[in-house]
Amino acid sequence: MSAVTKAKGFKKSKTGTYLSIGTTAFGALSVIKQAKKARGEHDTLRLVDAAVSAAAIITGVALLLRELKRLGDDDVLLG
């Protein structure tokens, strides 16, 4: 099994999905910081950018949670 195949398998595993959720949530910290700075400077464009980024993070986490549920449904012991 090649390293690329192993990496793709990890990405579709529960551990890989949890890791993806964690890194996505970590990105939310940057968006929160960006939004606070934009509000302090009354920069509407940066505030809109932060809102769009937050929406993308929320959507990404929702997709990852759906994938995690799907992986759980495939588990014989869980279901």
Protein backbone atom coordinates (compact mmCIF):
# COMPACT_ATOMS: atom_id res chain seq x y z
CA MET A 1 0.00 0.00 0.00
CA SER A 2 1.47 3.34 -1.02
CA ALA A 3 1.72 6.38 1.23
CA VAL A 4 -0.89 8.19 -0.87
CA THR A 5 -3.35 5.32 -0.47
CA LYS A 6 -2.73 5.23 3.28
CA ALA A 7 -3.28 9.00 3.48
CA LYS A 8 -6.57 8.75 1.60
CA GLY A 9 -7.66 5.93 3.89
CA PHE A 10 -6.80 8.00 6.96
CA LYS A 11 -8.79 10.94 5.65
CA LYS A 12 -11.89 8.72 5.45
CA SER A 13 -11.34 7.24 8.92
CA LYS A 14 -12.95 8.37 12.18
CA THR A 15 -9.58 9.57 13.46
CA GLY A 16 -8.97 11.58 10.29
CA THR A 17 -12.44 13.08 10.49
CA TYR A 18 -11.94 14.10 14.14
CA LEU A 19 -8.60 15.65 13.19
CA SER A 20 -10.28 17.58 10.37
CA ILE A 21 -12.97 18.86 12.75
CA GLY A 22 -10.27 19.99 15.17
CA THR A 23 -8.26 21.84 12.56
CA THR A 24 -11.39 23.45 11.16
CA ALA A 25 -12.44 24.59 14.64
CA PHE A 26 -8.92 25.95 15.20
CA GLY A 27 -9.42 28.07 12.07
CA ALA A 28 -12.49 29.55 13.73
CA LEU A 29 -10.23 31.25 16.28
CA SER A 30 -8.62 33.26 13.48
CA VAL A 31 -12.04 34.27 12.14
CA ILE A 32 -13.18 35.40 15.60
CA LYS A 33 -10.01 37.48 15.98
CA GLN A 34 -10.57 38.97 12.50
CA ALA A 35 -14.20 39.85 13.34
CA LYS A 36 -13.26 41.55 16.64
CA LYS A 37 -10.58 43.60 14.92
CA ALA A 38 -12.96 44.57 12.10
CA ARG A 39 -15.61 45.69 14.59
CA GLY A 40 -13.07 47.72 16.53
CA GLU A 41 -11.92 49.47 13.36
CA HIS A 42 -15.47 49.77 11.95
CA ASP A 43 -14.27 47.97 8.81
CA THR A 44 -17.43 46.65 7.18
CA LEU A 45 -15.67 44.82 4.37
CA ARG A 46 -13.46 42.83 6.76
CA LEU A 47 -16.50 42.11 8.92
CA VAL A 48 -18.34 40.72 5.90
CA ASP A 49 -15.25 38.65 5.06
CA ALA A 50 -15.21 37.25 8.60
CA ALA A 51 -18.92 36.41 8.38
CA VAL A 52 -18.45 34.56 5.08
CA SER A 53 -15.46 32.71 6.52
CA ALA A 54 -17.50 31.76 9.59
CA ALA A 55 -20.26 30.42 7.35
CA ALA A 56 -17.70 28.32 5.47
CA ILE A 57 -16.34 26.93 8.74
CA ILE A 58 -19.83 26.06 9.98
CA THR A 59 -20.64 24.33 6.70
CA GLY A 60 -17.33 22.45 6.78
CA VAL A 61 -17.89 21.20 10.32
CA ALA A 62 -21.45 20.15 9.42
CA LEU A 63 -20.13 18.14 6.46
CA LEU A 64 -17.48 16.52 8.66
CA LEU A 65 -20.06 15.62 11.31
CA ARG A 66 -22.23 14.05 8.61
CA GLU A 67 -19.23 12.04 7.44
CA LEU A 68 -18.53 10.98 11.02
CA LYS A 69 -22.13 9.83 11.41
CA ARG A 70 -21.89 7.90 8.16
CA LEU A 71 -18.71 6.20 9.35
CA GLY A 72 -20.49 5.31 12.60
CA ASP A 73 -23.46 3.84 10.71
CA ASP A 74 -21.09 1.55 8.82
CA ASP A 75 -19.69 0.22 12.11
CA VAL A 76 -21.29 -3.13 12.95
CA LEU A 77 -20.80 -2.57 16.69
CA LEU A 78 -22.56 0.79 16.68
CA GLY A 79 -25.46 -0.11 14.72
